Amino acid sequence: MHLVYIAIFGALGSLARYGVGIWAKTAFGVVFPWGTLLVNILGSFILAFITTLALENRVSEQVRLAIAIGFCGAFTTFSTFELEILNTILEGRSWVAVLYILSSIVLGFIAVLVGRGLALLII
């Protein structure tokens, strides 16, 4: 049954990823890969939040697997992140690539801290 939940939540994560990407392009344009950045930050938050709750036995193993592996596994886009960095450099916009790398790492880590902190607050 775990595989069914992982597959369902993986499909939801894929659709959410697509939706965030479309929304970000519409809202912010294509100069900076906002969609991937937002997905990676949100995914960092969600993953930290759900795993912290799971470590404290506040959610079931099935919920943890469905969200952490299914949803977050399909939602986050590290491979896309890497390809966008390369393409940005090849387009001659190295400063955007550096900004993207730093903002992804720093904001993603902050999202992990906030997700864990919020989960600990409700435990």
C-alpha atoms as a PDB file:
ATOM      1  CA  MET A   1       0.000   0.000   0.000  1.00  0.00           C
ATOM      2  CA  HIS A   2       2.979   2.324   0.601  1.00  0.00           C
ATOM      3  CA  LEU A   3       3.772   2.262  -3.115  1.00  0.00           C
ATOM      4  CA  VAL A   4       0.257   3.363  -4.014  1.00  0.00           C
ATOM      5  CA  TYR A   5       0.465   6.393  -1.710  1.00  0.00           C
ATOM      6  CA  ILE A   6       3.949   7.248  -2.961  1.00  0.00           C
ATOM      7  CA  ALA A   7       2.721   7.054  -6.558  1.00  0.00           C
ATOM      8  CA  ILE A   8      -0.372   9.182  -5.883  1.00  0.00           C
ATOM      9  CA  PHE A   9       1.589  11.816  -4.000  1.00  0.00           C
ATOM     10  CA  GLY A  10       4.307  11.685  -6.672  1.00  0.00           C
ATOM     11  CA  ALA A  11       1.686  12.535  -9.268  1.00  0.00           C
ATOM     12  CA  LEU A  12       0.457  15.399  -7.075  1.00  0.00           C
ATOM     13  CA  GLY A  13       4.027  16.641  -6.607  1.00  0.00           C
ATOM     14  CA  SER A  14       4.610  16.591 -10.367  1.00  0.00           C
ATOM     15  CA  LEU A  15       1.435  18.555 -11.007  1.00  0.00           C
ATOM     16  CA  ALA A  16       2.298  21.027  -8.260  1.00  0.00           C
ATOM     17  CA  ARG A  17       5.781  21.464  -9.758  1.00  0.00           C
ATOM     18  CA  TYR A  18       4.296  22.180 -13.154  1.00  0.00           C
ATOM     19  CA  GLY A  19       1.790  24.624 -11.677  1.00  0.00           C
ATOM     20  CA  VAL A  20       4.422  26.567  -9.737  1.00  0.00           C
ATOM     21  CA  GLY A  21       6.589  26.772 -12.855  1.00  0.00           C
ATOM     22  CA  ILE A  22       3.743  28.142 -14.980  1.00  0.00           C
ATOM     23  CA  TRP A  23       2.721  30.584 -12.259  1.00  0.00           C
ATOM     24  CA  ALA A  24       6.284  31.839 -11.744  1.00  0.00           C
ATOM     25  CA  LYS A  25       6.824  32.437 -15.475  1.00  0.00           C
ATOM     26  CA  THR A  26       3.570  34.375 -15.647  1.00  0.00           C
ATOM     27  CA  ALA A  27       4.261  36.360 -12.480  1.00  0.00           C
ATOM     28  CA  PHE A  28       7.992  37.030 -12.834  1.00  0.00           C
ATOM     29  CA  GLY A  29       9.050  36.289 -16.415  1.00  0.00           C
ATOM     30  CA  VAL A  30      11.934  34.114 -17.519  1.00  0.00           C
ATOM     31  CA  VAL A  31      15.026  36.215 -16.727  1.00  0.00           C
ATOM     32  CA  PHE A  32      15.614  34.227 -13.516  1.00  0.00           C
ATOM     33  CA  PRO A  33      14.476  30.616 -12.879  1.00  0.00           C
ATOM     34  CA  TRP A  34      11.983  31.620 -10.157  1.00  0.00           C
ATOM     35  CA  GLY A  35       9.849  28.489 -10.527  1.00  0.00           C
ATOM     36  CA  THR A  36      12.680  26.090  -9.737  1.00  0.00           C
ATOM     37  CA  LEU A  37      13.915  28.295  -6.911  1.00  0.00           C
ATOM     38  CA  LEU A  38      10.445  28.445  -5.340  1.00  0.00           C
ATOM     39  CA  VAL A  39       9.935  24.708  -5.732  1.00  0.00           C
ATOM     40  CA  ASN A  40      13.274  23.915  -4.116  1.00  0.00           C
ATOM     41  CA  ILE A  41      12.598  26.274  -1.192  1.00  0.00           C
ATOM     42  CA  LEU A  42       9.068  24.965  -0.658  1.00  0.00           C
ATOM     43  CA  GLY A  43      10.279  21.384  -1.040  1.00  0.00           C
ATOM     44  CA  SER A  44      13.004  21.987   1.560  1.00  0.00           C
ATOM     45  CA  PHE A  45      10.415  23.361   3.963  1.00  0.00           C
ATOM     46  CA  ILE A  46       7.903  20.544   3.395  1.00  0.00           C
ATOM     47  CA  LEU A  47      10.557  17.821   3.673  1.00  0.00           C
ATOM     48  CA  ALA A  48      11.990  19.224   6.908  1.00  0.00           C
ATOM     49  CA  PHE A  49       8.519  19.763   8.345  1.00  0.00           C
ATOM     50  CA  ILE A  50       7.192  16.258   7.642  1.00  0.00           C
ATOM     51  CA  THR A  51      10.371  14.414   8.633  1.00  0.00           C
ATOM     52  CA  THR A  52      10.547  16.333  11.909  1.00  0.00           C
ATOM     53  CA  LEU A  53       6.963  15.370  12.681  1.00  0.00           C
ATOM     54  CA  ALA A  54       7.718  11.764  11.714  1.00  0.00           C
ATOM     55  CA  LEU A  55      10.753  11.619  14.005  1.00  0.00           C
ATOM     56  CA  GLU A  56       8.496  12.623  16.888  1.00  0.00           C
ATOM     57  CA  ASN A  57       5.861  10.024  15.862  1.00  0.00           C
ATOM     58  CA  ARG A  58       3.334  12.747  15.027  1.00  0.00           C
ATOM     59  CA  VAL A  59       2.625  11.367  11.548  1.00  0.00           C
ATOM     60  CA  SER A  60       2.532   7.789  10.369  1.00  0.00           C
ATOM     61  CA  GLU A  61       5.237   6.141   8.322  1.00  0.00           C
ATOM     62  CA  GLN A  62       2.779   5.973   5.444  1.00  0.00           C
ATOM     63  CA  VAL A  63       2.203   9.750   5.550  1.00  0.00           C
ATOM     64  CA  ARG A  64       5.945  10.385   5.774  1.00  0.00           C
ATOM     65  CA  LEU A  65       6.653   8.166   2.764  1.00  0.00           C
ATOM     66  CA  ALA A  66       3.818   9.650   0.723  1.00  0.00           C
ATOM     67  CA  ILE A  67       4.895  13.244   1.336  1.00  0.00           C
ATOM     68  CA  ALA A  68       8.687  12.944   1.673  1.00  0.00           C
ATOM     69  CA  ILE A  69       9.314  10.451  -1.114  1.00  0.00           C
ATOM     70  CA  GLY A  70       6.215  10.788  -3.283  1.00  0.00           C
ATOM     71  CA  PHE A  71       5.335  14.475  -3.211  1.00  0.00           C
ATOM     72  CA  CYS A  72       8.751  16.016  -2.476  1.00  0.00           C
ATOM     73  CA  GLY A  73      10.570  13.575  -4.726  1.00  0.00           C
ATOM     74  CA  ALA A  74       8.445  14.644  -7.681  1.00  0.00           C
ATOM     75  CA  PHE A  75       8.077  18.284  -6.621  1.00  0.00           C
ATOM     76  CA  THR A  76      11.691  19.313  -6.110  1.00  0.00           C
ATOM     77  CA  THR A  77      13.917  19.724  -9.101  1.00  0.00           C
ATOM     78  CA  PHE A  78      17.606  19.542  -8.346  1.00  0.00           C
ATOM     79  CA  SER A  79      18.449  18.189 -11.780  1.00  0.00           C
ATOM     80  CA  THR A  80      16.544  21.066 -13.382  1.00  0.00           C
ATOM     81  CA  PHE A  81      18.405  23.431 -11.062  1.00  0.00           C
ATOM     82  CA  GLU A  82      21.740  22.127 -12.340  1.00  0.00           C
ATOM     83  CA  LEU A  83      20.714  22.347 -15.995  1.00  0.00           C
ATOM     84  CA  GLU A  84      19.418  25.903 -15.537  1.00  0.00           C
ATOM     85  CA  ILE A  85      22.761  26.907 -14.026  1.00  0.00           C
ATOM     86  CA  LEU A  86      24.608  25.518 -17.033  1.00  0.00           C
ATOM     87  CA  ASN A  87      22.238  27.170 -19.514  1.00  0.00           C
ATOM     88  CA  THR A  88      22.499  30.503 -17.711  1.00  0.00           C
ATOM     89  CA  ILE A  89      26.309  30.347 -17.862  1.00  0.00           C
ATOM     90  CA  LEU A  90      26.218  29.352 -21.541  1.00  0.00           C
ATOM     91  CA  GLU A  91      23.972  32.366 -22.198  1.00  0.00           C
ATOM     92  CA  GLY A  92      26.703  34.569 -20.759  1.00  0.00           C
ATOM     93  CA  ARG A  93      24.855  35.447 -17.559  1.00  0.00           C
ATOM     94  CA  SER A  94      27.268  34.018 -15.010  1.00  0.00           C
ATOM     95  CA  TRP A  95      26.242  36.576 -12.378  1.00  0.00           C
ATOM     96  CA  VAL A  96      22.657  35.265 -12.559  1.00  0.00           C
ATOM     97  CA  ALA A  97      23.970  31.700 -12.172  1.00  0.00           C
ATOM     98  CA  VAL A  98      25.970  32.651  -9.073  1.00  0.00           C
ATOM     99  CA  LEU A  99      22.992  34.532  -7.606  1.00  0.00           C
ATOM    100  CA  TYR A 100      20.754  31.544  -8.320  1.00  0.00           C
ATOM    101  CA  ILE A 101      23.146  29.064  -6.682  1.00  0.00           C
ATOM    102  CA  LEU A 102      23.603  31.198  -3.568  1.00  0.00           C
ATOM    103  CA  SER A 103      19.934  32.072  -3.179  1.00  0.00           C
ATOM    104  CA  SER A 104      18.883  28.436  -3.647  1.00  0.00           C
ATOM    105  CA  ILE A 105      21.316  27.180  -1.029  1.00  0.00           C
ATOM    106  CA  VAL A 106      20.747  29.936   1.528  1.00  0.00           C
ATOM    107  CA  LEU A 107      16.969  30.213   1.144  1.00  0.00           C
ATOM    108  CA  GLY A 108      16.597  26.426   0.965  1.00  0.00           C
ATOM    109  CA  PHE A 109      18.518  26.043   4.211  1.00  0.00           C
ATOM    110  CA  ILE A 110      16.426  28.761   5.863  1.00  0.00           C
ATOM    111  CA  ALA A 111      13.306  26.919   4.686  1.00  0.00           C
ATOM    112  CA  VAL A 112      14.623  23.707   6.300  1.00  0.00           C
ATOM    113  CA  LEU A 113      15.202  25.561   9.579  1.00  0.00           C
ATOM    114  CA  VAL A 114      11.763  27.171   9.492  1.00  0.00           C
ATOM    115  CA  GLY A 115      10.052  23.902   8.565  1.00  0.00           C
ATOM    116  CA  ARG A 116      11.759  22.054  11.400  1.00  0.00           C
ATOM    117  CA  GLY A 117      11.103  24.888  13.849  1.00  0.00           C
ATOM    118  CA  LEU A 118       7.435  25.068  12.956  1.00  0.00           C
ATOM    119  CA  ALA A 119       7.058  21.318  13.311  1.00  0.00           C
ATOM    120  CA  LEU A 120       8.721  21.427  16.729  1.00  0.00           C
ATOM    121  CA  LEU A 121       6.342  24.197  17.804  1.00  0.00           C
ATOM    122  CA  ILE A 122       3.287  22.048  17.122  1.00  0.00           C
ATOM    123  CA  ILE A 123       4.672  18.893  18.693  1.00  0.00           C
END
